[in-house]
Amino acid sequence: MKFAAIADVHGNRPALEAVLADIVALGIDEVVNLGDHVSGPLEAARTADLLIERGFPSVRGDQDRILVELWHAGGSVRSDFQELERKHFEWMASMPSTLTYREQVFLCHASPRDDAAFWLDRVTADGSVRPSEIEAIEAGAAGVAAQIILCGHTHIPRVVRLRDGRLVVNPGSVGLPGYDGKAPVPYVVEIGTPHACYAILEHAGGGWSATIRYVPYDNTAMAALARSKGMLTWASAIATGWVARERE
């Protein structure tokens, strides 16, 4: 059993196209998607169209949930919201928050019980982002029987082996390799490369293996698009993998 896992595309269609081409080149024909598909200042509708066409098993991310909530509430001035059509909102609304894939793999966006949690990583009081302690990770995995658990949300690629043998994998972000956050304290996530990121999962020889893969693509147009909309943090991250110390 071998498949790819993608997460946190955030409307970056060129990055998604590069990742999907890489997956095909490797002879992998199964893909799962862990959410946050279109939110942000990039190409929300075009990205949604491609994902709808592919029909990957997918879960809804926290940003997808927020867009659907705005749709139900009657509208928003956000640029991503303005791009999307009814079919896109219905597509996101139809997704579950968690999903079991092929009876062996548990899919969630951030953690099994919270679509906006930092799980494999944590934000400390001084604003640093560090790996979580194994006890906290295992507590988050309680009650999940699957041998492999996939999560996204933080955009930080991570592979964690629990002490009972289960594997927890964050495949990183396809479309956004850095961002800044405000809660619980101000913090910055920086992957350090502008490449699109995803994971390959394989079950062989009695166990699961995980490979994090980085894919180069032409990121100039998406960085320019983010900058044109005043999203300077996004522009810097997409262009370089680092977050410029300027703020919108």
C-alpha atoms as a PDB file:
ATOM      1  CA  MET A   1       0.000   0.000   0.000  1.00  0.00           C
ATOM      2  CA  LYS A   2       1.497   3.329  -1.092  1.00  0.00           C
ATOM      3  CA  PHE A   3      -0.113   6.745  -1.360  1.00  0.00           C
ATOM      4  CA  ALA A   4       0.612  10.466  -1.088  1.00  0.00           C
ATOM      5  CA  ALA A   5      -0.715  12.943   1.470  1.00  0.00           C
ATOM      6  CA  ILE A   6      -1.125  16.647   0.768  1.00  0.00           C
ATOM      7  CA  ALA A   7      -2.260  19.443   3.061  1.00  0.00           C
ATOM      8  CA  ASP A   8      -2.602  23.201   3.313  1.00  0.00           C
ATOM      9  CA  VAL A   9      -2.674  24.071  -0.379  1.00  0.00           C
ATOM     10  CA  HIS A  10      -4.133  27.511   0.479  1.00  0.00           C
ATOM     11  CA  GLY A  11      -5.093  28.367  -3.071  1.00  0.00           C
ATOM     12  CA  ASN A  12      -1.602  27.955  -4.516  1.00  0.00           C
ATOM     13  CA  ARG A  13      -2.535  26.181  -7.733  1.00  0.00           C
ATOM     14  CA  PRO A  14       0.968  26.212  -9.331  1.00  0.00           C
ATOM     15  CA  ALA A  15       2.399  24.521  -6.226  1.00  0.00           C
ATOM     16  CA  LEU A  16      -0.426  21.972  -6.284  1.00  0.00           C
ATOM     17  CA  GLU A  17       0.116  21.250  -9.972  1.00  0.00           C
ATOM     18  CA  ALA A  18       3.832  20.672  -9.349  1.00  0.00           C
ATOM     19  CA  VAL A  19       3.139  18.290  -6.462  1.00  0.00           C
ATOM     20  CA  LEU A  20       0.545  16.321  -8.431  1.00  0.00           C
ATOM     21  CA  ALA A  21       2.941  16.026 -11.380  1.00  0.00           C
ATOM     22  CA  ASP A  22       5.652  14.750  -9.034  1.00  0.00           C
ATOM     23  CA  ILE A  23       3.274  12.188  -7.553  1.00  0.00           C
ATOM     24  CA  VAL A  24       2.373  10.914 -11.033  1.00  0.00           C
ATOM     25  CA  ALA A  25       6.059  10.772 -12.019  1.00  0.00           C
ATOM     26  CA  LEU A  26       6.712   8.528  -9.020  1.00  0.00           C
ATOM     27  CA  GLY A  27       3.966   6.137 -10.115  1.00  0.00           C
ATOM     28  CA  ILE A  28       1.687   6.884  -7.162  1.00  0.00           C
ATOM     29  CA  ASP A  29      -2.006   6.944  -8.027  1.00  0.00           C
ATOM     30  CA  GLU A  30      -3.653   7.504  -4.627  1.00  0.00           C
ATOM     31  CA  VAL A  31      -3.726  10.868  -2.833  1.00  0.00           C
ATOM     32  CA  VAL A  32      -5.426  12.079   0.330  1.00  0.00           C
ATOM     33  CA  ASN A  33      -5.942  15.739   1.223  1.00  0.00           C
ATOM     34  CA  LEU A  34      -5.893  17.092   4.774  1.00  0.00           C
ATOM     35  CA  GLY A  35      -7.620  20.429   4.313  1.00  0.00           C
ATOM     36  CA  ASP A  36      -7.192  24.196   4.132  1.00  0.00           C
ATOM     37  CA  HIS A  37      -7.614  23.936   0.403  1.00  0.00           C
ATOM     38  CA  VAL A  38      -8.248  27.472  -0.849  1.00  0.00           C
ATOM     39  CA  SER A  39      -8.054  30.147   1.850  1.00  0.00           C
ATOM     40  CA  GLY A  40      -5.763  33.100   1.242  1.00  0.00           C
ATOM     41  CA  PRO A  41      -4.959  35.761  -1.369  1.00  0.00           C
ATOM     42  CA  LEU A  42      -3.990  33.434  -4.231  1.00  0.00           C
ATOM     43  CA  GLU A  43      -6.182  31.423  -6.638  1.00  0.00           C
ATOM     44  CA  ALA A  44      -9.042  30.106  -4.540  1.00  0.00           C
ATOM     45  CA  ALA A  45     -11.485  29.228  -7.323  1.00  0.00           C
ATOM     46  CA  ARG A  46      -8.944  27.741  -9.753  1.00  0.00           C
ATOM     47  CA  THR A  47      -7.470  25.614  -6.963  1.00  0.00           C
ATOM     48  CA  ALA A  48     -10.899  24.426  -5.862  1.00  0.00           C
ATOM     49  CA  ASP A  49     -11.752  23.510  -9.456  1.00  0.00           C
ATOM     50  CA  LEU A  50      -8.657  21.328  -9.752  1.00  0.00           C
ATOM     51  CA  LEU A  51      -9.275  19.588  -6.438  1.00  0.00           C
ATOM     52  CA  ILE A  52     -12.940  18.985  -7.248  1.00  0.00           C
ATOM     53  CA  GLU A  53     -11.889  17.476 -10.576  1.00  0.00           C
ATOM     54  CA  ARG A  54      -9.448  15.103  -8.876  1.00  0.00           C
ATOM     55  CA  GLY A  55     -11.874  14.010  -6.181  1.00  0.00           C
ATOM     56  CA  PHE A  56      -9.304  13.019  -3.576  1.00  0.00           C
ATOM     57  CA  PRO A  57     -10.494  11.699  -0.205  1.00  0.00           C
ATOM     58  CA  SER A  58     -10.415  14.936   1.803  1.00  0.00           C
ATOM     59  CA  VAL A  59     -11.160  16.443   5.191  1.00  0.00           C
ATOM     60  CA  ARG A  60     -12.216  19.985   5.955  1.00  0.00           C
ATOM     61  CA  GLY A  61      -9.649  22.310   7.533  1.00  0.00           C
ATOM     62  CA  ASP A  62     -10.332  25.119   9.965  1.00  0.00           C
ATOM     63  CA  GLN A  63     -10.020  27.719   7.213  1.00  0.00           C
ATOM     64  CA  ASP A  64     -12.402  25.754   4.997  1.00  0.00           C
ATOM     65  CA  ARG A  65     -14.835  25.638   7.909  1.00  0.00           C
ATOM     66  CA  ILE A  66     -14.564  29.416   8.376  1.00  0.00           C
ATOM     67  CA  LEU A  67     -15.261  30.039   4.677  1.00  0.00           C
ATOM     68  CA  VAL A  68     -18.339  27.804   4.858  1.00  0.00           C
ATOM     69  CA  GLU A  69     -19.513  29.612   7.998  1.00  0.00           C
ATOM     70  CA  LEU A  70     -19.144  32.955   6.201  1.00  0.00           C
ATOM     71  CA  TRP A  71     -21.139  31.558   3.282  1.00  0.00           C
ATOM     72  CA  HIS A  72     -23.942  30.446   5.593  1.00  0.00           C
ATOM     73  CA  ALA A  73     -23.822  33.849   7.303  1.00  0.00           C
ATOM     74  CA  GLY A  74     -24.425  35.635   4.010  1.00  0.00           C
ATOM     75  CA  GLY A  75     -21.061  36.803   2.701  1.00  0.00           C
ATOM     76  CA  SER A  76     -17.656  38.359   3.248  1.00  0.00           C
ATOM     77  CA  VAL A  77     -15.379  40.938   1.623  1.00  0.00           C
ATOM     78  CA  ARG A  78     -12.431  38.535   1.784  1.00  0.00           C
ATOM     79  CA  SER A  79     -10.808  38.066  -1.621  1.00  0.00           C
ATOM     80  CA  ASP A  80     -10.871  34.273  -1.402  1.00  0.00           C
ATOM     81  CA  PHE A  81     -14.572  34.319  -0.512  1.00  0.00           C
ATOM     82  CA  GLN A  82     -15.342  36.672  -3.391  1.00  0.00           C
ATOM     83  CA  GLU A  83     -13.701  34.307  -5.888  1.00  0.00           C
ATOM     84  CA  LEU A  84     -15.621  31.228  -4.850  1.00  0.00           C
ATOM     85  CA  GLU A  85     -18.914  30.032  -6.296  1.00  0.00           C
ATOM     86  CA  ARG A  86     -21.747  28.086  -4.706  1.00  0.00           C
ATOM     87  CA  LYS A  87     -20.323  24.787  -5.966  1.00  0.00           C
ATOM     88  CA  HIS A  88     -17.051  25.484  -4.150  1.00  0.00           C
ATOM     89  CA  PHE A  89     -18.759  26.204  -0.840  1.00  0.00           C
ATOM     90  CA  GLU A  90     -20.955  23.111  -1.193  1.00  0.00           C
ATOM     91  CA  TRP A  91     -17.850  21.035  -1.901  1.00  0.00           C
ATOM     92  CA  MET A  92     -16.147  22.214   1.296  1.00  0.00           C
ATOM     93  CA  ALA A  93     -19.335  21.912   3.335  1.00  0.00           C
ATOM     94  CA  SER A  94     -19.694  18.277   2.265  1.00  0.00           C
ATOM     95  CA  MET A  95     -16.339  17.254   3.713  1.00  0.00           C
ATOM     96  CA  PRO A  96     -16.056  15.518   7.085  1.00  0.00           C
ATOM     97  CA  SER A  97     -13.754  16.844   9.795  1.00  0.00           C
ATOM     98  CA  THR A  98     -12.079  13.420  10.056  1.00  0.00           C
ATOM     99  CA  LEU A  99     -11.995  10.390   7.791  1.00  0.00           C
ATOM    100  CA  THR A 100     -10.708   6.826   7.880  1.00  0.00           C
ATOM    101  CA  TYR A 101      -8.988   5.879   4.633  1.00  0.00           C
ATOM    102  CA  ARG A 102      -8.739   2.221   3.545  1.00  0.00           C
ATOM    103  CA  GLU A 103      -9.472   1.101   7.112  1.00  0.00           C
ATOM    104  CA  GLN A 104      -5.872   1.758   8.179  1.00  0.00           C
ATOM    105  CA  VAL A 105      -5.265   5.503   7.980  1.00  0.00           C
ATOM    106  CA  PHE A 106      -6.917   8.258  10.048  1.00  0.00           C
ATOM    107  CA  LEU A 107      -7.133  11.678   8.412  1.00  0.00           C
ATOM    108  CA  CYS A 108      -7.640  14.936  10.292  1.00  0.00           C
ATOM    109  CA  HIS A 109      -6.688  18.536   9.673  1.00  0.00           C
ATOM    110  CA  ALA A 110      -4.967  19.597  12.887  1.00  0.00           C
ATOM    111  CA  SER A 111      -5.651  16.913  15.504  1.00  0.00           C
ATOM    112  CA  PRO A 112      -8.268  14.163  15.870  1.00  0.00           C
ATOM    113  CA  ARG A 113     -10.550  16.340  17.996  1.00  0.00           C
ATOM    114  CA  ASP A 114      -9.675  19.948  17.109  1.00  0.00           C
ATOM    115  CA  ASP A 115      -9.338  21.347  13.586  1.00  0.00           C
ATOM    116  CA  ALA A 116      -7.304  24.358  14.775  1.00  0.00           C
ATOM    117  CA  ALA A 117      -4.899  22.801  17.297  1.00  0.00           C
ATOM    118  CA  PHE A 118      -1.127  22.762  17.231  1.00  0.00           C
ATOM    119  CA  TRP A 119      -0.479  19.083  17.920  1.00  0.00           C
ATOM    120  CA  LEU A 120       2.936  17.782  16.881  1.00  0.00           C
ATOM    121  CA  ASP A 121       4.348  21.234  17.562  1.00  0.00           C
ATOM    122  CA  ARG A 122       3.591  23.874  20.180  1.00  0.00           C
ATOM    123  CA  VAL A 123       3.960  27.617  20.617  1.00  0.00           C
ATOM    124  CA  THR A 124       5.888  28.492  23.777  1.00  0.00           C
ATOM    125  CA  ALA A 125       5.426  31.551  25.986  1.00  0.00           C
ATOM    126  CA  ASP A 126       8.314  33.361  24.265  1.00  0.00           C
ATOM    127  CA  GLY A 127       6.831  32.810  20.791  1.00  0.00           C
ATOM    128  CA  SER A 128       9.093  29.941  19.788  1.00  0.00           C
ATOM    129  CA  VAL A 129       7.616  27.009  17.869  1.00  0.00           C
ATOM    130  CA  ARG A 130       8.983  23.699  19.147  1.00  0.00           C
ATOM    131  CA  PRO A 131       8.157  19.995  18.878  1.00  0.00           C
ATOM    132  CA  SER A 132       5.519  18.854  21.347  1.00  0.00           C
ATOM    133  CA  GLU A 133       6.353  16.378  24.088  1.00  0.00           C
ATOM    134  CA  ILE A 134       5.515  12.763  23.334  1.00  0.00           C
ATOM    135  CA  GLU A 135       3.005  12.621  26.209  1.00  0.00           C
ATOM    136  CA  ALA A 136       0.971  15.475  24.709  1.00  0.00           C
ATOM    137  CA  ILE A 137       1.041  13.908  21.255  1.00  0.00           C
ATOM    138  CA  GLU A 138      -0.064  10.543  22.599  1.00  0.00           C
ATOM    139  CA  ALA A 139      -2.891  12.175  24.543  1.00  0.00           C
ATOM    140  CA  GLY A 140      -4.133  13.722  21.306  1.00  0.00           C
ATOM    141  CA  ALA A 141      -4.063  10.325  19.603  1.00  0.00           C
ATOM    142  CA  ALA A 142      -6.047   8.591  22.351  1.00  0.00           C
ATOM    143  CA  GLY A 143      -8.944   6.566  20.985  1.00  0.00           C
ATOM    144  CA  VAL A 144      -7.650   6.477  17.399  1.00  0.00           C
ATOM    145  CA  ALA A 145      -7.127   2.845  16.472  1.00  0.00           C
ATOM    146  CA  ALA A 146      -5.484   3.408  13.065  1.00  0.00           C
ATOM    147  CA  GLN A 147      -1.801   2.568  12.753  1.00  0.00           C
ATOM    148  CA  ILE A 148      -1.077   5.769  10.864  1.00  0.00           C
ATOM    149  CA  ILE A 149      -2.549   9.188  11.641  1.00  0.00           C
ATOM    150  CA  LEU A 150      -2.194  12.106   9.227  1.00  0.00           C
ATOM    151  CA  CYS A 151      -2.567  15.747  10.237  1.00  0.00           C
ATOM    152  CA  GLY A 152      -1.716  19.166   8.839  1.00  0.00           C
ATOM    153  CA  HIS A 153      -2.513  22.742   9.906  1.00  0.00           C
ATOM    154  CA  THR A 154       0.893  23.855  11.243  1.00  0.00           C
ATOM    155  CA  HIS A 155       2.582  23.597   7.804  1.00  0.00           C
ATOM    156  CA  ILE A 156       5.545  21.999   9.595  1.00  0.00           C
ATOM    157  CA  PRO A 157       6.493  18.573   8.164  1.00  0.00           C
ATOM    158  CA  ARG A 158       6.919  16.106  10.992  1.00  0.00           C
ATOM    159  CA  VAL A 159       7.060  12.333  11.494  1.00  0.00           C
ATOM    160  CA  VAL A 160       6.452  11.022  15.035  1.00  0.00           C
ATOM    161  CA  ARG A 161       6.502   7.398  16.139  1.00  0.00           C
ATOM    162  CA  LEU A 162       4.309   6.867  19.196  1.00  0.00           C
ATOM    163  CA  ARG A 163       5.521   4.461  21.840  1.00  0.00           C
ATOM    164  CA  ASP A 164       2.813   1.937  20.920  1.00  0.00           C
ATOM    165  CA  GLY A 165       4.085   1.842  17.317  1.00  0.00           C
ATOM    166  CA  ARG A 166       1.530   4.122  15.656  1.00  0.00           C
ATOM    167  CA  LEU A 167       2.934   6.703  13.245  1.00  0.00           C
ATOM    168  CA  VAL A 168       1.744  10.324  13.148  1.00  0.00           C
ATOM    169  CA  VAL A 169       2.715  12.331  10.062  1.00  0.00           C
ATOM    170  CA  ASN A 170       2.287  15.965   9.103  1.00  0.00           C
ATOM    171  CA  PRO A 171       3.100  16.259   5.365  1.00  0.00           C
ATOM    172  CA  GLY A 172       3.827  19.987   5.546  1.00  0.00           C
ATOM    173  CA  SER A 173       2.215  22.557   3.283  1.00  0.00           C
ATOM    174  CA  VAL A 174       1.821  22.378  -0.465  1.00  0.00           C
ATOM    175  CA  GLY A 175       1.242  26.079  -0.881  1.00  0.00           C
ATOM    176  CA  LEU A 176       2.478  28.186   2.055  1.00  0.00           C
ATOM    177  CA  PRO A 177       5.896  27.476   3.653  1.00  0.00           C
ATOM    178  CA  GLY A 178       5.702  30.218   6.264  1.00  0.00           C
ATOM    179  CA  TYR A 179       3.298  32.504   8.115  1.00  0.00           C
ATOM    180  CA  ASP A 180       2.871  34.470  11.320  1.00  0.00           C
ATOM    181  CA  GLY A 181       0.293  33.922  14.024  1.00  0.00           C
ATOM    182  CA  LYS A 182      -1.078  35.946  16.903  1.00  0.00           C
ATOM    183  CA  ALA A 183      -2.314  33.422  19.501  1.00  0.00           C
ATOM    184  CA  PRO A 184      -1.584  32.348  22.161  1.00  0.00           C
ATOM    185  CA  VAL A 185       1.323  34.801  21.642  1.00  0.00           C
ATOM    186  CA  PRO A 186       2.828  36.211  18.450  1.00  0.00           C
ATOM    187  CA  TYR A 187       4.877  33.575  16.622  1.00  0.00           C
ATOM    188  CA  VAL A 188       6.345  32.781  13.209  1.00  0.00           C
ATOM    189  CA  VAL A 189       6.542  29.514  11.279  1.00  0.00           C
ATOM    190  CA  GLU A 190       9.283  29.368   8.644  1.00  0.00           C
ATOM    191  CA  ILE A 191      10.162  26.172   6.762  1.00  0.00           C
ATOM    192  CA  GLY A 192      13.197  27.712   5.093  1.00  0.00           C
ATOM    193  CA  THR A 193      12.504  26.631   1.528  1.00  0.00           C
ATOM    194  CA  PRO A 194       9.891  27.899  -0.939  1.00  0.00           C
ATOM    195  CA  HIS A 195       9.395  24.414  -2.364  1.00  0.00           C
ATOM    196  CA  ALA A 196       5.991  22.739  -2.222  1.00  0.00           C
ATOM    197  CA  CYS A 197       5.908  19.949   0.339  1.00  0.00           C
ATOM    198  CA  TYR A 198       4.009  16.669   0.697  1.00  0.00           C
ATOM    199  CA  ALA A 199       4.452  13.157   2.114  1.00  0.00           C
ATOM    200  CA  ILE A 200       4.611   9.655   0.707  1.00  0.00           C
ATOM    201  CA  LEU A 201       3.310   6.869   2.957  1.00  0.00           C
ATOM    202  CA  GLU A 202       4.056   3.212   2.318  1.00  0.00           C
ATOM    203  CA  HIS A 203       3.131   0.016   4.124  1.00  0.00           C
ATOM    204  CA  ALA A 204       5.619  -2.756   3.475  1.00  0.00           C
ATOM    205  CA  GLY A 205       7.470  -5.336   5.494  1.00  0.00           C
ATOM    206  CA  GLY A 206       4.960  -5.198   8.307  1.00  0.00           C
ATOM    207  CA  GLY A 207       5.183  -1.480   9.025  1.00  0.00           C
ATOM    208  CA  TRP A 208       4.639   2.044   7.753  1.00  0.00           C
ATOM    209  CA  SER A 209       7.311   4.348   6.385  1.00  0.00           C
ATOM    210  CA  ALA A 210       6.992   8.050   5.637  1.00  0.00           C
ATOM    211  CA  THR A 211       8.986  10.256   3.284  1.00  0.00           C
ATOM    212  CA  ILE A 212       8.719  14.036   3.201  1.00  0.00           C
ATOM    213  CA  ARG A 213       9.260  15.346  -0.314  1.00  0.00           C
ATOM    214  CA  TYR A 214      10.003  18.913  -1.449  1.00  0.00           C
ATOM    215  CA  VAL A 215       9.123  19.953  -4.994  1.00  0.00           C
ATOM    216  CA  PRO A 216      10.424  23.102  -6.740  1.00  0.00           C
ATOM    217  CA  TYR A 217       8.001  25.109  -8.863  1.00  0.00           C
ATOM    218  CA  ASP A 218       7.760  28.564 -10.396  1.00  0.00           C
ATOM    219  CA  ASN A 219       6.658  30.514  -7.336  1.00  0.00           C
ATOM    220  CA  THR A 220       7.179  34.021  -8.710  1.00  0.00           C
ATOM    221  CA  ALA A 221       3.614  34.625  -9.884  1.00  0.00           C
ATOM    222  CA  MET A 222       2.043  33.560  -6.592  1.00  0.00           C
ATOM    223  CA  ALA A 223       4.488  35.658  -4.558  1.00  0.00           C
ATOM    224  CA  ALA A 224       3.690  38.645  -6.774  1.00  0.00           C
ATOM    225  CA  LEU A 225      -0.051  38.020  -6.448  1.00  0.00           C
ATOM    226  CA  ALA A 226       0.165  37.948  -2.652  1.00  0.00           C
ATOM    227  CA  ARG A 227       2.217  41.144  -2.646  1.00  0.00           C
ATOM    228  CA  SER A 228      -0.243  42.883  -4.976  1.00  0.00           C
ATOM    229  CA  LYS A 229      -2.976  42.215  -2.411  1.00  0.00           C
ATOM    230  CA  GLY A 230      -0.913  43.608   0.446  1.00  0.00           C
ATOM    231  CA  MET A 231      -0.167  40.197   1.975  1.00  0.00           C
ATOM    232  CA  LEU A 232       3.536  40.789   2.508  1.00  0.00           C
ATOM    233  CA  THR A 233       4.078  37.888   4.903  1.00  0.00           C
ATOM    234  CA  TRP A 234       2.580  35.480   2.363  1.00  0.00           C
ATOM    235  CA  ALA A 235       4.645  37.011  -0.436  1.00  0.00           C
ATOM    236  CA  SER A 236       7.886  36.588   1.487  1.00  0.00           C
ATOM    237  CA  ALA A 237       7.133  33.016   2.563  1.00  0.00           C
ATOM    238  CA  ILE A 238       6.111  31.895  -0.930  1.00  0.00           C
ATOM    239  CA  ALA A 239       9.150  33.559  -2.510  1.00  0.00           C
ATOM    240  CA  THR A 240      11.788  32.397  -0.028  1.00  0.00           C
ATOM    241  CA  GLY A 241      10.432  30.044   2.626  1.00  0.00           C
ATOM    242  CA  TRP A 242      11.142  32.722   5.229  1.00  0.00           C
ATOM    243  CA  VAL A 243       8.856  35.378   6.742  1.00  0.00           C
ATOM    244  CA  ALA A 244      10.005  38.970   6.263  1.00  0.00           C
ATOM    245  CA  ARG A 245       9.869  40.976   9.460  1.00  0.00           C
ATOM    246  CA  GLU A 246       7.406  43.378   7.905  1.00  0.00           C
ATOM    247  CA  ARG A 247       3.727  43.244   8.646  1.00  0.00           C
ATOM    248  CA  GLU A 248       0.600  43.864   6.603  1.00  0.00           C
END
